[in-house]
């Protein structure tokens, strides 16, 4: 027989167990603290700022399209029109979001979440398209820059209004304009790449997360910013939260009454019942109004004749044929028979309130109690 290996116990009962010290409660994270607050006002504020930014960008894009068309830059004109359309759609989405959040309607907020996803895709695409255009159509951009700088119209295109682009209202020579445009394009390459992430991708993703978080708050029944309480009580979603997923069971008596045709709602909402159905309902109501039990033969005769049945009253006393006999009274230790009554009535006499005197039941077995004279004599002696 092979002896099994000894057990590897976590705690040894021969020694006292280590004292468990209470662990420090975990502090709530910063994200959970932010989630407690309602994000309604921040969403409205950020949506307003984004709307202004998108409107300004759409205005500049359409103006650039006009300038590109005048300078015969077809590729730049197409890009400017595409950017203008993207920014215009994003502006309309932000305007819709402000109205939907202010109205506090769950359906509008839910639609705004999907529209925000679309706006984020559009803004990210616009930023990427603008960055690709800066490098892919650099030659067209340089020719347009020199042409506008020589004529003193560099301020008409939005990208040439910043330093070091020649965006002044004064005309400059072609050689100086060419040198300045190339210098500005080279030094603006890195900021252009960074602007794709800083002003397009990252803000779009962050704002979509904010809107989705606010939508989670509006659908969270434990959050004070939820909008489920504003809906009708009869909706399925409200019933699932208020009744924990349970539905109300139909009353059986009411269901029976509906089956027998006594529901007034069916009479009102439906068509007029037939004569046969009305006769059956009147018969049922007449049977309910009569108290007592009908004989089967008489009930059949009355039903066949069509005359209303007669009422058969039953006595209200305790003596009834359909009731079981009363319980027999147990014999009493003390019985009395009243004169003039045919039956004996058992009465049990209670001793009344408790007494602290010597019990009289065992008086014969107890020692004799001395009288008052005996007590006086004993005290005198």
Protein backbone atom coordinates (compact mmCIF):
# COMPACT_ATOMS: atom_id res chain seq x y z
CA UNK A 1 0.00 0.00 0.00
CA UNK A 2 1.41 3.34 -1.05
CA UNK A 3 1.04 6.09 1.47
CA UNK A 4 -0.47 9.23 -0.03
CA UNK A 5 1.49 12.45 0.17
CA UNK A 6 0.67 14.77 3.06
CA UNK A 7 -1.93 17.44 2.53
CA UNK A 8 -0.73 20.91 1.78
CA UNK A 9 -2.99 22.99 4.00
CA UNK A 10 -3.22 26.70 3.57
CA UNK A 11 -3.76 27.26 7.30
CA UNK A 12 -2.47 25.06 10.13
CA UNK A 13 -4.94 24.53 12.97
CA UNK A 14 -2.11 24.06 15.49
CA UNK A 15 -1.29 27.74 15.27
CA UNK A 16 -3.55 30.77 15.46
CA UNK A 17 -4.79 32.02 12.15
CA UNK A 18 -3.49 35.35 10.93
CA UNK A 19 -5.69 38.32 11.72
CA UNK A 20 -7.39 39.69 8.65
CA UNK A 21 -7.04 43.42 8.55
CA UNK A 22 -9.74 45.35 6.70
CA UNK A 23 -8.52 46.44 3.31
CA UNK A 24 -8.66 50.04 2.29
CA UNK A 25 -11.78 50.77 0.24
CA UNK A 26 -11.07 51.40 -3.38
CA UNK A 27 -11.37 55.01 -4.35
CA UNK A 28 -13.72 55.79 -7.18
CA UNK A 29 -12.08 56.54 -10.47
CA UNK A 30 -12.13 59.92 -12.10
CA UNK A 31 -14.23 58.60 -14.97
CA UNK A 32 -16.94 57.31 -12.61
CA UNK A 33 -17.04 60.67 -10.87
CA UNK A 34 -17.52 62.39 -14.21
CA UNK A 35 -20.25 59.95 -15.19
CA UNK A 36 -22.33 60.91 -12.15
CA UNK A 37 -22.76 64.46 -13.43
CA UNK A 38 -25.17 65.19 -16.24
CA UNK A 39 -23.40 65.93 -19.52
CA UNK A 40 -26.29 67.85 -21.02
CA UNK A 41 -24.79 71.34 -20.71
CA UNK A 42 -21.28 70.32 -21.87
CA UNK A 43 -22.80 68.61 -24.90
CA UNK A 44 -24.74 71.74 -25.82
CA UNK A 45 -21.67 73.96 -25.34
CA UNK A 46 -19.34 71.75 -27.38
CA UNK A 47 -21.97 71.29 -30.08
CA UNK A 48 -22.30 75.06 -30.34
CA UNK A 49 -18.55 75.53 -30.68
CA UNK A 50 -18.32 72.77 -33.27
CA UNK A 51 -21.21 74.27 -35.18
CA UNK A 52 -19.49 77.65 -35.36
CA UNK A 53 -16.22 76.03 -36.42
CA UNK A 54 -17.89 73.94 -39.12
CA UNK A 55 -19.89 76.89 -40.43
CA UNK A 56 -16.74 79.01 -40.70
CA UNK A 57 -14.86 76.16 -42.42
CA UNK A 58 -17.72 75.61 -44.88
CA UNK A 59 -17.79 79.33 -45.71
CA UNK A 60 -14.04 79.37 -46.37
CA UNK A 61 -14.24 76.19 -48.46
CA UNK A 62 -16.90 77.62 -50.77
CA UNK A 63 -14.96 80.87 -51.11
CA UNK A 64 -11.83 78.87 -51.98
CA UNK A 65 -13.83 76.99 -54.60
CA UNK A 66 -14.75 80.30 -56.26
CA UNK A 67 -11.10 81.43 -56.24
CA UNK A 68 -9.88 78.08 -57.57
CA UNK A 69 -12.40 78.20 -60.38
CA UNK A 70 -11.29 81.72 -61.30
CA UNK A 71 -7.62 80.63 -61.35
CA UNK A 72 -8.44 77.54 -63.46
CA UNK A 73 -7.34 75.12 -60.72
CA UNK A 74 -9.87 72.36 -61.33
CA UNK A 75 -8.46 69.86 -58.84
CA UNK A 76 -8.34 72.40 -56.03
CA UNK A 77 -11.87 73.57 -56.90
CA UNK A 78 -13.25 70.01 -56.61
CA UNK A 79 -11.53 69.51 -53.28
CA UNK A 80 -12.86 72.84 -51.97
CA UNK A 81 -16.42 71.95 -52.98
CA UNK A 82 -16.14 68.55 -51.29
CA UNK A 83 -14.82 70.16 -48.11
CA UNK A 84 -17.64 72.71 -48.16
CA UNK A 85 -20.28 69.99 -48.44
CA UNK A 86 -18.76 67.95 -45.60
CA UNK A 87 -18.54 70.91 -43.26
CA UNK A 88 -22.08 72.03 -44.14
CA UNK A 89 -23.54 68.61 -43.31
CA UNK A 90 -21.61 68.56 -40.04
CA UNK A 91 -22.92 72.02 -39.18
CA UNK A 92 -26.52 70.90 -39.74
CA UNK A 93 -25.94 67.83 -37.56
CA UNK A 94 -24.61 69.95 -34.70
CA UNK A 95 -27.57 72.30 -35.03
CA UNK A 96 -29.92 69.34 -34.84
CA UNK A 97 -28.04 68.03 -31.81
CA UNK A 98 -28.46 71.29 -29.91
CA UNK A 99 -32.20 71.31 -30.56
CA UNK A 100 -32.59 67.61 -29.70
CA UNK A 101 -30.71 67.86 -26.40
CA UNK A 102 -32.60 71.00 -25.39
CA UNK A 103 -35.97 69.34 -26.07
CA UNK A 104 -35.00 66.37 -23.86
CA UNK A 105 -36.52 63.74 -26.13
CA UNK A 106 -34.98 60.30 -26.04
CA UNK A 107 -35.72 59.59 -29.69
CA UNK A 108 -33.97 62.81 -30.76
CA UNK A 109 -30.95 62.05 -28.59
CA UNK A 110 -30.75 58.52 -29.98
CA UNK A 111 -30.83 59.85 -33.54
CA UNK A 112 -28.21 62.44 -32.63
CA UNK A 113 -25.82 59.67 -31.56
CA UNK A 114 -25.89 58.12 -35.03
CA UNK A 115 -25.68 61.50 -36.71
CA UNK A 116 -22.67 62.38 -34.55
CA UNK A 117 -20.96 59.23 -35.78
CA UNK A 118 -21.62 60.39 -39.34
CA UNK A 119 -20.32 63.88 -38.54
CA UNK A 120 -17.18 62.43 -36.98
CA UNK A 121 -16.51 60.41 -40.12
CA UNK A 122 -17.09 63.49 -42.29
CA UNK A 123 -14.81 65.73 -40.23
CA UNK A 124 -12.07 63.10 -40.14
CA UNK A 125 -12.39 62.60 -43.89
CA UNK A 126 -12.26 66.35 -44.46
CA UNK A 127 -9.06 66.67 -42.42
CA UNK A 128 -7.42 63.76 -44.20
CA UNK A 129 -8.52 65.08 -47.60
CA UNK A 130 -7.15 68.51 -46.79
CA UNK A 131 -3.81 67.01 -45.76
CA UNK A 132 -3.57 64.86 -48.88
CA UNK A 133 -4.41 67.83 -51.09
CA UNK A 134 -1.61 69.86 -49.51
CA UNK A 135 0.99 67.37 -50.75
CA UNK A 136 -0.68 65.80 -53.80
CA UNK A 137 -1.60 69.07 -55.50
CA UNK A 138 1.41 71.10 -54.32
CA UNK A 139 2.24 72.34 -57.83
CA UNK A 140 -1.25 73.71 -58.41
CA UNK A 141 -1.12 75.32 -54.99
CA UNK A 142 2.23 77.02 -55.76
CA UNK A 143 1.02 78.38 -59.11
CA UNK A 144 -2.11 79.76 -57.50
CA UNK A 145 -0.10 81.30 -54.66
CA UNK A 146 2.27 83.11 -57.04
CA UNK A 147 -0.59 84.31 -59.25
CA UNK A 148 -2.55 85.77 -56.34
CA UNK A 149 0.54 87.30 -54.67
CA UNK A 150 1.58 89.13 -57.86
CA UNK A 151 -1.90 90.63 -58.23
CA UNK A 152 -2.18 91.45 -54.49
CA UNK A 153 -5.11 89.06 -53.92
CA UNK A 154 -3.43 86.51 -51.67
CA UNK A 155 -5.96 87.14 -48.89
CA UNK A 156 -8.81 85.72 -51.02
CA UNK A 157 -7.80 82.09 -50.34
CA UNK A 158 -8.02 80.92 -46.74
CA UNK A 159 -4.73 79.01 -46.64
CA UNK A 160 -2.73 82.06 -47.81
CA UNK A 161 -3.96 84.33 -45.01
CA UNK A 162 -1.55 82.92 -42.43
CA UNK A 163 2.14 83.52 -42.06
CA UNK A 164 4.50 82.98 -43.86
CA UNK A 165 2.19 82.88 -46.90
CA UNK A 166 2.05 86.10 -48.98
CA UNK A 167 -1.47 87.05 -48.08
CA UNK A 168 -1.14 90.82 -48.08
CA UNK A 169 -3.17 93.25 -50.14
CA UNK A 170 -0.01 94.65 -51.74
CA UNK A 171 1.38 93.22 -54.97
CA UNK A 172 4.90 91.79 -54.89
CA UNK A 173 7.29 90.81 -57.72
CA UNK A 174 6.99 87.36 -59.22
CA UNK A 175 10.46 86.26 -58.06
CA UNK A 176 9.80 87.28 -54.46
CA UNK A 177 6.34 85.77 -54.58
CA UNK A 178 7.73 82.45 -55.87
CA UNK A 179 10.42 82.35 -53.17
CA UNK A 180 7.97 83.20 -50.40
CA UNK A 181 5.37 80.66 -51.54
CA UNK A 182 7.89 77.81 -51.68
CA UNK A 183 9.27 78.75 -48.26
CA UNK A 184 5.78 78.82 -46.74
CA UNK A 185 4.84 75.47 -48.30
CA UNK A 186 7.96 73.74 -46.94
CA UNK A 187 7.59 75.11 -43.42
CA UNK A 188 3.85 74.37 -43.36
CA UNK A 189 4.20 70.65 -44.07
CA UNK A 190 4.60 69.48 -40.47
CA UNK A 191 1.83 71.71 -39.07
CA UNK A 192 -0.45 70.43 -41.83
CA UNK A 193 0.16 66.81 -40.82
CA UNK A 194 -0.33 67.63 -37.14
CA UNK A 195 -3.57 69.51 -37.85
CA UNK A 196 -5.09 66.35 -39.33
CA UNK A 197 -4.87 64.68 -35.91
CA UNK A 198 -5.25 67.70 -33.62
CA UNK A 199 -8.18 69.38 -35.36
CA UNK A 200 -9.94 66.52 -37.15
CA UNK A 201 -9.44 62.96 -35.90
CA UNK A 202 -8.97 63.43 -32.15
CA UNK A 203 -11.73 66.05 -31.61
CA UNK A 204 -14.19 64.00 -33.67
CA UNK A 205 -13.54 60.84 -31.66
CA UNK A 206 -13.68 62.64 -28.31
CA UNK A 207 -16.93 64.38 -29.14
CA UNK A 208 -18.54 61.14 -30.30
CA UNK A 209 -17.56 59.50 -27.01
CA UNK A 210 -19.12 62.42 -25.12
CA UNK A 211 -22.40 62.17 -27.04
CA UNK A 212 -22.53 58.39 -26.60
CA UNK A 213 -21.89 58.77 -22.87
CA UNK A 214 -24.72 61.27 -22.58
CA UNK A 215 -26.97 58.83 -24.41
CA UNK A 216 -26.01 56.15 -21.87
CA UNK A 217 -27.00 58.53 -19.09
CA UNK A 218 -30.39 59.17 -20.69
CA UNK A 219 -31.09 55.42 -20.89
CA UNK A 220 -29.69 54.56 -17.45
CA UNK A 221 -32.62 54.29 -14.97
CA UNK A 222 -30.30 54.84 -11.98
CA UNK A 223 -28.95 58.13 -13.37
CA UNK A 224 -30.70 61.41 -12.62
CA UNK A 225 -30.34 62.54 -16.26
CA UNK A 226 -32.33 59.64 -17.72
CA UNK A 227 -35.23 60.44 -20.02
CA UNK A 228 -37.19 57.21 -19.58
CA UNK A 229 -39.49 58.74 -16.97
CA UNK A 230 -40.73 61.27 -19.50
CA UNK A 231 -42.17 58.54 -21.71
CA UNK A 232 -45.63 57.12 -21.41
CA UNK A 233 -46.21 54.50 -18.74
CA UNK A 234 -47.74 52.13 -21.26
CA UNK A 235 -44.56 51.69 -23.26
CA UNK A 236 -42.66 48.43 -23.05
CA UNK A 237 -39.40 50.01 -21.94
CA UNK A 238 -41.01 51.91 -19.03
CA UNK A 239 -42.91 48.80 -17.95
CA UNK A 240 -39.73 46.72 -17.95
CA UNK A 241 -37.98 49.21 -15.62
CA UNK A 242 -40.91 49.92 -13.30
CA UNK A 243 -42.15 46.29 -13.00
CA UNK A 244 -38.73 44.57 -13.28
CA UNK A 245 -39.69 42.72 -16.43
CA UNK A 246 -43.01 41.31 -15.11
CA UNK A 247 -46.34 41.82 -16.83
CA UNK A 248 -49.74 42.16 -15.29
CA UNK A 249 -51.76 38.93 -15.20
CA UNK A 250 -55.33 39.17 -16.39
CA UNK A 251 -57.98 38.62 -13.75
CA UNK A 252 -59.67 35.24 -14.10
CA UNK A 253 -63.09 36.51 -13.04
CA UNK A 254 -62.86 39.34 -15.54
CA UNK A 255 -61.82 36.89 -18.24
CA UNK A 256 -64.84 34.71 -17.43
CA UNK A 257 -67.14 37.70 -17.58
CA UNK A 258 -65.70 38.64 -20.94
CA UNK A 259 -66.24 35.11 -22.23
CA UNK A 260 -69.85 35.12 -21.09
CA UNK A 261 -70.49 38.37 -22.89
CA UNK A 262 -71.05 40.74 -19.98
CA UNK A 263 -68.25 43.13 -20.83
CA UNK A 264 -69.59 46.54 -21.67
CA UNK A 265 -66.51 47.48 -23.67
CA UNK A 266 -67.35 44.91 -26.31
CA UNK A 267 -70.91 46.14 -26.51
CA UNK A 268 -69.76 49.69 -26.99
CA UNK A 269 -66.85 49.12 -29.34
CA UNK A 270 -68.25 46.23 -31.39
CA UNK A 271 -71.39 45.85 -33.46
CA UNK A 272 -74.87 45.25 -32.00
CA UNK A 273 -75.25 41.64 -30.75
CA UNK A 274 -77.79 39.30 -32.25
CA UNK A 275 -81.16 38.45 -30.66
CA UNK A 276 -79.97 35.00 -29.67
CA UNK A 277 -76.89 36.43 -27.96
CA UNK A 278 -78.99 39.03 -26.13
CA UNK A 279 -81.38 36.31 -24.90
CA UNK A 280 -78.47 34.25 -23.61
CA UNK A 281 -77.00 37.22 -21.76
CA UNK A 282 -80.32 38.13 -20.17
CA UNK A 283 -80.73 34.52 -19.03
CA UNK A 284 -77.26 34.55 -17.44
CA UNK A 285 -77.96 37.83 -15.65
CA UNK A 286 -81.32 36.52 -14.39
CA UNK A 287 -79.65 33.40 -13.01
CA UNK A 288 -77.10 35.52 -11.17
CA UNK A 289 -79.75 37.74 -9.60
CA UNK A 290 -81.60 34.77 -8.08
CA UNK A 291 -80.29 33.59 -4.72
CA UNK A 292 -80.30 29.97 -3.69
CA UNK A 293 -80.08 26.71 -5.61
CA UNK A 294 -82.49 25.80 -8.43
CA UNK A 295 -83.89 22.42 -8.95
CA UNK A 296 -82.68 20.86 -12.17
CA UNK A 297 -86.16 19.88 -13.39
CA UNK A 298 -87.78 23.20 -12.58
CA UNK A 299 -84.84 25.08 -14.12
CA UNK A 300 -85.14 23.09 -17.33
CA UNK A 301 -88.89 23.68 -17.48
CA UNK A 302 -88.51 27.38 -16.88
CA UNK A 303 -85.73 27.66 -19.41
CA UNK A 304 -87.84 25.86 -21.98
CA UNK A 305 -90.95 27.94 -21.29
CA UNK A 306 -89.00 31.19 -21.45
CA UNK A 307 -90.63 32.73 -18.35
CA UNK A 308 -88.33 34.18 -15.68
CA UNK A 309 -87.57 31.73 -12.85
CA UNK A 310 -89.03 32.22 -9.42
CA UNK A 311 -86.77 33.05 -6.56
CA UNK A 312 -86.27 30.41 -3.92
CA UNK A 313 -85.23 32.02 -0.67
CA UNK A 314 -83.33 30.11 1.93
CA UNK A 315 -83.64 30.86 5.66
CA UNK A 316 -80.94 32.88 7.35
CA UNK A 317 -80.89 30.70 10.49
CA UNK A 318 -78.17 28.21 11.27
CA UNK A 319 -80.45 25.28 10.45
CA UNK A 320 -79.95 24.66 6.74
CA UNK A 321 -80.22 21.47 4.77
CA UNK A 322 -77.02 22.01 2.85
CA UNK A 323 -74.93 22.83 5.91
CA UNK A 324 -73.12 20.21 8.01
CA UNK A 325 -74.38 19.60 11.58
CA UNK A 326 -72.83 21.77 14.30
CA UNK A 327 -70.09 20.45 16.51
CA UNK A 328 -71.13 18.66 19.71
CA UNK A 329 -70.36 20.50 22.92
CA UNK A 330 -68.04 18.81 25.34
CA UNK A 331 -69.55 17.87 28.72
CA UNK A 332 -68.99 20.52 31.37
CA UNK A 333 -67.89 19.64 34.91
CA UNK A 334 -70.79 21.67 36.24
CA UNK A 335 -74.09 21.42 34.41
CA UNK A 336 -77.26 23.38 34.96
CA UNK A 337 -80.69 22.82 33.46
CA UNK A 338 -82.85 25.88 33.20
CA UNK A 339 -86.52 25.48 33.89
CA UNK A 340 -88.73 25.60 30.83
CA UNK A 341 -85.97 24.57 28.42
CA UNK A 342 -85.95 21.21 26.69
CA UNK A 343 -82.20 20.84 26.51
CA UNK A 344 -79.47 21.16 29.06
CA UNK A 345 -77.02 23.97 28.70
CA UNK A 346 -73.52 23.34 29.94
CA UNK A 347 -71.89 26.21 31.81
CA UNK A 348 -68.40 26.29 33.14
CA UNK A 349 -67.92 28.56 36.12
CA UNK A 350 -64.55 30.17 36.33
CA UNK A 351 -63.03 30.85 39.75
CA UNK A 352 -62.75 34.56 38.98
CA UNK A 353 -59.74 36.72 39.76
CA UNK A 354 -56.79 35.10 41.57
CA UNK A 355 -56.84 35.04 45.38
CA UNK A 356 -53.86 34.87 47.69
CA UNK A 357 -55.73 33.20 50.59
CA UNK A 358 -55.05 29.60 51.60
CA UNK A 359 -56.48 27.17 49.08
CA UNK A 360 -59.73 25.49 50.16
CA UNK A 361 -59.27 22.47 47.96
CA UNK A 362 -56.75 20.81 50.26
CA UNK A 363 -58.19 22.14 53.51
CA UNK A 364 -58.91 18.64 54.83
CA UNK A 365 -55.28 17.64 54.42
CA UNK A 366 -53.78 20.82 55.88
CA UNK A 367 -53.08 21.66 59.54
CA UNK A 368 -55.84 23.43 61.51
CA UNK A 369 -55.63 27.19 61.27
CA UNK A 370 -55.87 28.93 64.69
CA UNK A 371 -58.71 31.37 65.19
CA UNK A 372 -58.45 34.97 66.37
CA UNK A 373 -59.16 34.08 70.04
CA UNK A 374 -56.47 31.44 69.98
CA UNK A 375 -53.99 33.97 68.59
CA UNK A 376 -54.84 36.50 71.33
CA UNK A 377 -54.46 33.82 73.99
CA UNK A 378 -51.09 32.72 72.66
CA UNK A 379 -49.83 36.28 72.65
CA UNK A 380 -51.09 36.85 76.24
CA UNK A 381 -49.44 33.65 77.48
